Amino acid sequence: MTSSEPATRSAEPDGRATPGSHSIPSAGGDEDERADRWHRSWLVEHEEAPVDGVDGEADRTELRASAETALLRKLRSRSMSVREARGVLAGHDLEEHEIDAIVDAFLGHGYLDDARLAEQLVHIATARKAQGRQAVAQTLTARGVPREVVDAALAELPDDDAERALTFARQKARSMGSLDRDTALRRLHGQLARRGFGGATAMSAARQALDEAGTRPSSVRFH
């Protein structure tokens, strides 16, 4: 071989190019198939074009990245439970193992935490909305918080439903001065019940609040 000749090596008998080879097997018969295999391997080696499966994997990677971005965007606006996060990811045509991998990663980074979410929801329900234990439990369950996490969060709550019910009832009773006692009691009891206070707790708080507010007697007369 002279110095002016290009450095070439022949293909191996099965049609695969040997390392550094730049020669292409001649066409004809089985040589066509071997030439095709050689061409594919050369493209992969030089990253000129994908082979079967490479395009698909790239698409899956892009799909997962898009799903992760969508989930992060939602988490910036509000905390989510693991179940809610899975629902978001499921809307991006991911396979179950891909969803599992993303959820595990988000859990590892602290982006998802059902226990922390439960604490936040409990605080909002009790401190801001004056809700009772039943309503708190319903809220957590509706948000997809697991039963064991709900129970643990409720166990941390002080046993002050009666006090919170009375505080709420006193606020509402002030606006019921124009109602007779029975009507005011019925409405106030209903409001307390909708906030998750048990029947006896709601009735006791409603009666005490109306007594303190001095609502007028019932207009109903029995003969």
C-alpha atoms as a PDB file:
ATOM      1  CA  MET A   1       0.000   0.000   0.000  1.00  0.00           C
ATOM      2  CA  THR A   2       1.383   3.435  -0.934  1.00  0.00           C
ATOM      3  CA  SER A   3       1.109   6.496   1.274  1.00  0.00           C
ATOM      4  CA  SER A   4      -1.421   8.018  -1.094  1.00  0.00           C
ATOM      5  CA  GLU A   5      -3.881   5.144  -0.786  1.00  0.00           C
ATOM      6  CA  PRO A   6      -6.741   5.457   1.787  1.00  0.00           C
ATOM      7  CA  ALA A   7      -6.418   3.182   4.806  1.00  0.00           C
ATOM      8  CA  THR A   8      -9.069   0.469   4.431  1.00  0.00           C
ATOM      9  CA  ARG A   9      -9.890  -2.916   5.886  1.00  0.00           C
ATOM     10  CA  SER A  10     -12.210  -5.500   4.487  1.00  0.00           C
ATOM     11  CA  ALA A  11     -15.348  -6.483   6.343  1.00  0.00           C
ATOM     12  CA  GLU A  12     -15.388  -9.617   8.439  1.00  0.00           C
ATOM     13  CA  PRO A  13     -17.016 -12.676   6.837  1.00  0.00           C
ATOM     14  CA  ASP A  14     -20.387 -11.986   8.488  1.00  0.00           C
ATOM     15  CA  GLY A  15     -20.551  -8.496   7.065  1.00  0.00           C
ATOM     16  CA  ARG A  16     -19.583  -6.538  10.170  1.00  0.00           C
ATOM     17  CA  ALA A  17     -16.932  -3.911   9.729  1.00  0.00           C
ATOM     18  CA  THR A  18     -13.767  -4.424  11.679  1.00  0.00           C
ATOM     19  CA  PRO A  19     -12.601  -1.556  13.928  1.00  0.00           C
ATOM     20  CA  GLY A  20     -11.607   1.456  11.891  1.00  0.00           C
ATOM     21  CA  SER A  21     -12.932  -0.033   8.673  1.00  0.00           C
ATOM     22  CA  HIS A  22     -14.182   2.297   5.996  1.00  0.00           C
ATOM     23  CA  SER A  23     -14.819  -0.317   3.318  1.00  0.00           C
ATOM     24  CA  ILE A  24     -18.344  -1.305   2.329  1.00  0.00           C
ATOM     25  CA  PRO A  25     -19.074  -4.844   1.200  1.00  0.00           C
ATOM     26  CA  SER A  26     -20.063  -5.157  -2.434  1.00  0.00           C
ATOM     27  CA  ALA A  27     -23.718  -5.631  -3.249  1.00  0.00           C
ATOM     28  CA  GLY A  28     -25.306  -8.764  -4.639  1.00  0.00           C
ATOM     29  CA  GLY A  29     -27.293 -11.649  -3.084  1.00  0.00           C
ATOM     30  CA  ASP A  30     -26.574 -12.128   0.599  1.00  0.00           C
ATOM     31  CA  GLU A  31     -24.066  -9.344   0.333  1.00  0.00           C
ATOM     32  CA  ASP A  32     -26.964  -6.861   0.242  1.00  0.00           C
ATOM     33  CA  GLU A  33     -28.083  -7.890   3.702  1.00  0.00           C
ATOM     34  CA  ARG A  34     -24.538  -7.846   5.040  1.00  0.00           C
ATOM     35  CA  ALA A  35     -23.954  -4.443   3.536  1.00  0.00           C
ATOM     36  CA  ASP A  36     -27.082  -3.179   5.248  1.00  0.00           C
ATOM     37  CA  ARG A  37     -25.940  -4.508   8.626  1.00  0.00           C
ATOM     38  CA  TRP A  38     -22.533  -2.954   8.087  1.00  0.00           C
ATOM     39  CA  HIS A  39     -24.091   0.377   7.200  1.00  0.00           C
ATOM     40  CA  ARG A  40     -26.233   0.357  10.351  1.00  0.00           C
ATOM     41  CA  SER A  41     -23.276  -0.405  12.597  1.00  0.00           C
ATOM     42  CA  TRP A  42     -21.226   2.312  10.935  1.00  0.00           C
ATOM     43  CA  LEU A  43     -23.985   4.879  11.491  1.00  0.00           C
ATOM     44  CA  VAL A  44     -24.212   3.981  15.172  1.00  0.00           C
ATOM     45  CA  GLU A  45     -20.443   4.157  15.583  1.00  0.00           C
ATOM     46  CA  HIS A  46     -20.330   7.584  13.978  1.00  0.00           C
ATOM     47  CA  GLU A  47     -23.660   8.783  15.455  1.00  0.00           C
ATOM     48  CA  GLU A  48     -24.905   9.842  12.077  1.00  0.00           C
ATOM     49  CA  ALA A  49     -28.366   8.266  12.410  1.00  0.00           C
ATOM     50  CA  PRO A  50     -30.327   6.005  14.776  1.00  0.00           C
ATOM     51  CA  VAL A  51     -30.974   2.322  14.453  1.00  0.00           C
ATOM     52  CA  ASP A  52     -34.081   0.430  15.452  1.00  0.00           C
ATOM     53  CA  GLY A  53     -35.043   1.306  19.050  1.00  0.00           C
ATOM     54  CA  VAL A  54     -32.862   4.412  19.380  1.00  0.00           C
ATOM     55  CA  ASP A  55     -35.533   6.738  18.053  1.00  0.00           C
ATOM     56  CA  GLY A  56     -38.123   5.112  20.315  1.00  0.00           C
ATOM     57  CA  GLU A  57     -35.962   5.474  23.392  1.00  0.00           C
ATOM     58  CA  ALA A  58     -35.325   9.121  22.575  1.00  0.00           C
ATOM     59  CA  ASP A  59     -39.073   9.651  22.291  1.00  0.00           C
ATOM     60  CA  ARG A  60     -39.657   7.969  25.682  1.00  0.00           C
ATOM     61  CA  THR A  61     -36.979  10.134  27.283  1.00  0.00           C
ATOM     62  CA  GLU A  62     -38.565  13.270  25.863  1.00  0.00           C
ATOM     63  CA  LEU A  63     -41.982  12.102  27.019  1.00  0.00           C
ATOM     64  CA  ARG A  64     -40.728  11.500  30.562  1.00  0.00           C
ATOM     65  CA  ALA A  65     -39.011  14.887  30.634  1.00  0.00           C
ATOM     66  CA  SER A  66     -42.222  16.589  29.503  1.00  0.00           C
ATOM     67  CA  ALA A  67     -44.213  14.798  32.210  1.00  0.00           C
ATOM     68  CA  GLU A  68     -41.701  15.765  34.894  1.00  0.00           C
ATOM     69  CA  THR A  69     -41.862  19.405  33.804  1.00  0.00           C
ATOM     70  CA  ALA A  70     -45.657  19.392  33.914  1.00  0.00           C
ATOM     71  CA  LEU A  71     -45.648  17.898  37.402  1.00  0.00           C
ATOM     72  CA  LEU A  72     -43.080  20.398  38.683  1.00  0.00           C
ATOM     73  CA  ARG A  73     -45.159  23.247  37.286  1.00  0.00           C
ATOM     74  CA  LYS A  74     -48.206  22.042  39.212  1.00  0.00           C
ATOM     75  CA  LEU A  75     -46.198  21.543  42.391  1.00  0.00           C
ATOM     76  CA  ARG A  76     -45.072  25.163  42.241  1.00  0.00           C
ATOM     77  CA  SER A  77     -48.671  26.304  42.658  1.00  0.00           C
ATOM     78  CA  ARG A  78     -49.747  23.824  45.329  1.00  0.00           C
ATOM     79  CA  SER A  79     -48.601  20.749  47.211  1.00  0.00           C
ATOM     80  CA  MET A  80     -49.840  17.420  45.903  1.00  0.00           C
ATOM     81  CA  SER A  81     -50.246  13.942  47.271  1.00  0.00           C
ATOM     82  CA  VAL A  82     -48.491  11.002  45.679  1.00  0.00           C
ATOM     83  CA  ARG A  83     -51.817   9.817  44.291  1.00  0.00           C
ATOM     84  CA  GLU A  84     -52.499  13.216  42.725  1.00  0.00           C
ATOM     85  CA  ALA A  85     -48.995  13.273  41.241  1.00  0.00           C
ATOM     86  CA  ARG A  86     -49.533   9.844  39.718  1.00  0.00           C
ATOM     87  CA  GLY A  87     -52.720  11.135  38.145  1.00  0.00           C
ATOM     88  CA  VAL A  88     -50.840  13.981  36.507  1.00  0.00           C
ATOM     89  CA  LEU A  89     -48.165  11.648  35.152  1.00  0.00           C
ATOM     90  CA  ALA A  90     -50.734   9.143  33.928  1.00  0.00           C
ATOM     91  CA  GLY A  91     -52.086  11.843  31.632  1.00  0.00           C
ATOM     92  CA  HIS A  92     -48.799  11.844  29.707  1.00  0.00           C
ATOM     93  CA  ASP A  93     -49.031   8.285  28.331  1.00  0.00           C
ATOM     94  CA  LEU A  94     -46.251   6.977  30.565  1.00  0.00           C
ATOM     95  CA  GLU A  95     -45.891   3.332  31.424  1.00  0.00           C
ATOM     96  CA  GLU A  96     -46.331   2.254  35.036  1.00  0.00           C
ATOM     97  CA  HIS A  97     -42.636   1.687  35.650  1.00  0.00           C
ATOM     98  CA  GLU A  98     -41.859   5.150  34.279  1.00  0.00           C
ATOM     99  CA  ILE A  99     -44.395   6.716  36.626  1.00  0.00           C
ATOM    100  CA  ASP A 100     -42.904   4.770  39.526  1.00  0.00           C
ATOM    101  CA  ALA A 101     -39.419   6.022  38.685  1.00  0.00           C
ATOM    102  CA  ILE A 102     -40.488   9.668  38.526  1.00  0.00           C
ATOM    103  CA  VAL A 103     -42.486   9.434  41.748  1.00  0.00           C
ATOM    104  CA  ASP A 104     -39.561   7.786  43.526  1.00  0.00           C
ATOM    105  CA  ALA A 105     -37.261  10.565  42.343  1.00  0.00           C
ATOM    106  CA  PHE A 106     -39.657  13.277  43.489  1.00  0.00           C
ATOM    107  CA  LEU A 107     -40.041  11.579  46.860  1.00  0.00           C
ATOM    108  CA  GLY A 108     -36.275  11.411  47.192  1.00  0.00           C
ATOM    109  CA  HIS A 109     -35.949  15.134  46.485  1.00  0.00           C
ATOM    110  CA  GLY A 110     -38.749  15.968  48.918  1.00  0.00           C
ATOM    111  CA  TYR A 111     -41.034  17.348  46.225  1.00  0.00           C
ATOM    112  CA  LEU A 112     -43.716  14.874  47.300  1.00  0.00           C
ATOM    113  CA  ASP A 113     -44.485  14.115  50.945  1.00  0.00           C
ATOM    114  CA  ASP A 114     -47.927  12.890  52.011  1.00  0.00           C
ATOM    115  CA  ALA A 115     -47.218  13.424  55.708  1.00  0.00           C
ATOM    116  CA  ARG A 116     -46.187  17.027  55.164  1.00  0.00           C
ATOM    117  CA  LEU A 117     -49.215  17.623  52.948  1.00  0.00           C
ATOM    118  CA  ALA A 118     -51.464  16.202  55.668  1.00  0.00           C
ATOM    119  CA  GLU A 119     -49.996  18.615  58.229  1.00  0.00           C
ATOM    120  CA  GLN A 120     -50.638  21.557  55.910  1.00  0.00           C
ATOM    121  CA  LEU A 121     -54.226  20.526  55.229  1.00  0.00           C
ATOM    122  CA  VAL A 122     -54.928  19.955  58.920  1.00  0.00           C
ATOM    123  CA  HIS A 123     -53.637  23.417  59.781  1.00  0.00           C
ATOM    124  CA  ILE A 124     -55.754  25.063  57.089  1.00  0.00           C
ATOM    125  CA  ALA A 125     -58.846  23.099  58.093  1.00  0.00           C
ATOM    126  CA  THR A 126     -58.615  23.805  61.802  1.00  0.00           C
ATOM    127  CA  ALA A 127     -56.958  27.225  62.042  1.00  0.00           C
ATOM    128  CA  ARG A 128     -58.509  28.937  59.031  1.00  0.00           C
ATOM    129  CA  LYS A 129     -61.766  27.123  58.369  1.00  0.00           C
ATOM    130  CA  ALA A 130     -62.687  26.043  61.899  1.00  0.00           C
ATOM    131  CA  GLN A 131     -63.498  22.528  60.712  1.00  0.00           C
ATOM    132  CA  GLY A 132     -64.044  19.494  62.899  1.00  0.00           C
ATOM    133  CA  ARG A 133     -62.265  16.152  62.773  1.00  0.00           C
ATOM    134  CA  GLN A 134     -64.753  14.561  60.383  1.00  0.00           C
ATOM    135  CA  ALA A 135     -64.309  17.304  57.801  1.00  0.00           C
ATOM    136  CA  VAL A 136     -60.527  17.183  58.200  1.00  0.00           C
ATOM    137  CA  ALA A 137     -60.500  13.432  57.569  1.00  0.00           C
ATOM    138  CA  GLN A 138     -62.723  13.828  54.505  1.00  0.00           C
ATOM    139  CA  THR A 139     -60.472  16.539  53.074  1.00  0.00           C
ATOM    140  CA  LEU A 140     -57.332  14.459  53.483  1.00  0.00           C
ATOM    141  CA  THR A 141     -58.961  11.381  51.994  1.00  0.00           C
ATOM    142  CA  ALA A 142     -60.291  13.356  49.026  1.00  0.00           C
ATOM    143  CA  ARG A 143     -56.764  14.602  48.323  1.00  0.00           C
ATOM    144  CA  GLY A 144     -55.472  11.036  48.121  1.00  0.00           C
ATOM    145  CA  VAL A 145     -53.620  10.932  51.419  1.00  0.00           C
ATOM    146  CA  PRO A 146     -53.258   7.276  52.532  1.00  0.00           C
ATOM    147  CA  ARG A 147     -55.430   6.077  55.407  1.00  0.00           C
ATOM    148  CA  GLU A 148     -52.500   5.482  57.755  1.00  0.00           C
ATOM    149  CA  VAL A 149     -51.214   9.020  57.158  1.00  0.00           C
ATOM    150  CA  VAL A 150     -54.689  10.447  57.782  1.00  0.00           C
ATOM    151  CA  ASP A 151     -54.957   8.551  61.067  1.00  0.00           C
ATOM    152  CA  ALA A 152     -51.524   9.752  62.166  1.00  0.00           C
ATOM    153  CA  ALA A 153     -52.399  13.377  61.361  1.00  0.00           C
ATOM    154  CA  LEU A 154     -55.700  13.195  63.245  1.00  0.00           C
ATOM    155  CA  ALA A 155     -53.943  11.614  66.222  1.00  0.00           C
ATOM    156  CA  GLU A 156     -51.818  14.762  66.500  1.00  0.00           C
ATOM    157  CA  LEU A 157     -54.892  16.982  66.711  1.00  0.00           C
ATOM    158  CA  PRO A 158     -55.793  18.221  70.200  1.00  0.00           C
ATOM    159  CA  ASP A 159     -59.183  17.091  71.480  1.00  0.00           C
ATOM    160  CA  ASP A 160     -60.715  20.531  71.103  1.00  0.00           C
ATOM    161  CA  ASP A 161     -63.577  20.016  68.671  1.00  0.00           C
ATOM    162  CA  ALA A 162     -66.051  21.374  71.243  1.00  0.00           C
ATOM    163  CA  GLU A 163     -64.028  24.548  71.711  1.00  0.00           C
ATOM    164  CA  ARG A 164     -63.611  25.166  67.989  1.00  0.00           C
ATOM    165  CA  ALA A 165     -67.279  24.429  67.375  1.00  0.00           C
ATOM    166  CA  LEU A 166     -68.286  26.962  70.019  1.00  0.00           C
ATOM    167  CA  THR A 167     -65.935  29.593  68.608  1.00  0.00           C
ATOM    168  CA  PHE A 168     -67.471  29.171  65.163  1.00  0.00           C
ATOM    169  CA  ALA A 169     -71.023  29.096  66.547  1.00  0.00           C
ATOM    170  CA  ARG A 170     -70.507  32.341  68.463  1.00  0.00           C
ATOM    171  CA  GLN A 171     -69.385  34.096  65.296  1.00  0.00           C
ATOM    172  CA  LYS A 172     -72.419  32.923  63.352  1.00  0.00           C
ATOM    173  CA  ALA A 173     -74.914  33.478  66.150  1.00  0.00           C
ATOM    174  CA  ARG A 174     -74.305  37.228  66.056  1.00  0.00           C
ATOM    175  CA  SER A 175     -75.938  37.443  62.621  1.00  0.00           C
ATOM    176  CA  MET A 176     -79.055  35.483  63.643  1.00  0.00           C
ATOM    177  CA  GLY A 177     -80.651  38.030  65.900  1.00  0.00           C
ATOM    178  CA  SER A 178     -83.629  38.450  63.585  1.00  0.00           C
ATOM    179  CA  LEU A 179     -84.448  34.731  63.652  1.00  0.00           C
ATOM    180  CA  ASP A 180     -86.506  32.948  66.241  1.00  0.00           C
ATOM    181  CA  ARG A 181     -84.754  30.406  68.438  1.00  0.00           C
ATOM    182  CA  ASP A 182     -85.813  27.250  66.604  1.00  0.00           C
ATOM    183  CA  THR A 183     -84.899  28.574  63.160  1.00  0.00           C
ATOM    184  CA  ALA A 184     -81.547  29.893  64.367  1.00  0.00           C
ATOM    185  CA  LEU A 185     -80.770  26.624  66.146  1.00  0.00           C
ATOM    186  CA  ARG A 186     -81.577  24.569  63.064  1.00  0.00           C
ATOM    187  CA  ARG A 187     -79.452  26.724  60.773  1.00  0.00           C
ATOM    188  CA  LEU A 188     -76.528  26.969  63.141  1.00  0.00           C
ATOM    189  CA  HIS A 189     -76.543  23.245  63.823  1.00  0.00           C
ATOM    190  CA  GLY A 190     -76.522  22.585  60.070  1.00  0.00           C
ATOM    191  CA  GLN A 191     -73.552  24.885  59.532  1.00  0.00           C
ATOM    192  CA  LEU A 192     -71.595  23.165  62.281  1.00  0.00           C
ATOM    193  CA  ALA A 193     -72.421  19.722  60.940  1.00  0.00           C
ATOM    194  CA  ARG A 194     -71.217  20.681  57.452  1.00  0.00           C
ATOM    195  CA  ARG A 195     -67.891  21.635  58.988  1.00  0.00           C
ATOM    196  CA  GLY A 196     -67.401  18.190  60.362  1.00  0.00           C
ATOM    197  CA  PHE A 197     -68.507  18.616  63.966  1.00  0.00           C
ATOM    198  CA  GLY A 198     -70.347  15.630  65.401  1.00  0.00           C
ATOM    199  CA  GLY A 199     -74.061  15.798  66.177  1.00  0.00           C
ATOM    200  CA  ALA A 200     -73.809  16.209  69.957  1.00  0.00           C
ATOM    201  CA  THR A 201     -70.889  18.630  69.706  1.00  0.00           C
ATOM    202  CA  ALA A 202     -72.658  20.720  67.066  1.00  0.00           C
ATOM    203  CA  MET A 203     -75.942  20.879  68.991  1.00  0.00           C
ATOM    204  CA  SER A 204     -74.272  21.807  72.276  1.00  0.00           C
ATOM    205  CA  ALA A 205     -72.225  24.572  70.669  1.00  0.00           C
ATOM    206  CA  ALA A 206     -75.219  25.939  68.767  1.00  0.00           C
ATOM    207  CA  ARG A 207     -77.395  26.109  71.893  1.00  0.00           C
ATOM    208  CA  GLN A 208     -74.721  27.769  74.005  1.00  0.00           C
ATOM    209  CA  ALA A 209     -73.879  30.327  71.336  1.00  0.00           C
ATOM    210  CA  LEU A 210     -77.537  31.243  70.841  1.00  0.00           C
ATOM    211  CA  ASP A 211     -78.061  31.507  74.614  1.00  0.00           C
ATOM    212  CA  GLU A 212     -75.161  33.918  74.843  1.00  0.00           C
ATOM    213  CA  ALA A 213     -76.428  35.909  71.849  1.00  0.00           C
ATOM    214  CA  GLY A 214     -79.901  36.134  73.394  1.00  0.00           C
ATOM    215  CA  THR A 215     -81.941  35.033  70.392  1.00  0.00           C
ATOM    216  CA  ARG A 216     -85.653  35.605  70.687  1.00  0.00           C
ATOM    217  CA  PRO A 217     -88.009  32.747  71.586  1.00  0.00           C
ATOM    218  CA  SER A 218     -89.589  30.590  68.931  1.00  0.00           C
ATOM    219  CA  SER A 219     -92.620  32.033  67.179  1.00  0.00           C
ATOM    220  CA  VAL A 220     -94.225  28.606  67.086  1.00  0.00           C
ATOM    221  CA  ARG A 221     -97.126  28.218  69.484  1.00  0.00           C
ATOM    222  CA  PHE A 222     -98.706  24.900  70.452  1.00  0.00           C
ATOM    223  CA  HIS A 223    -102.350  24.702  71.508  1.00  0.00           C
END
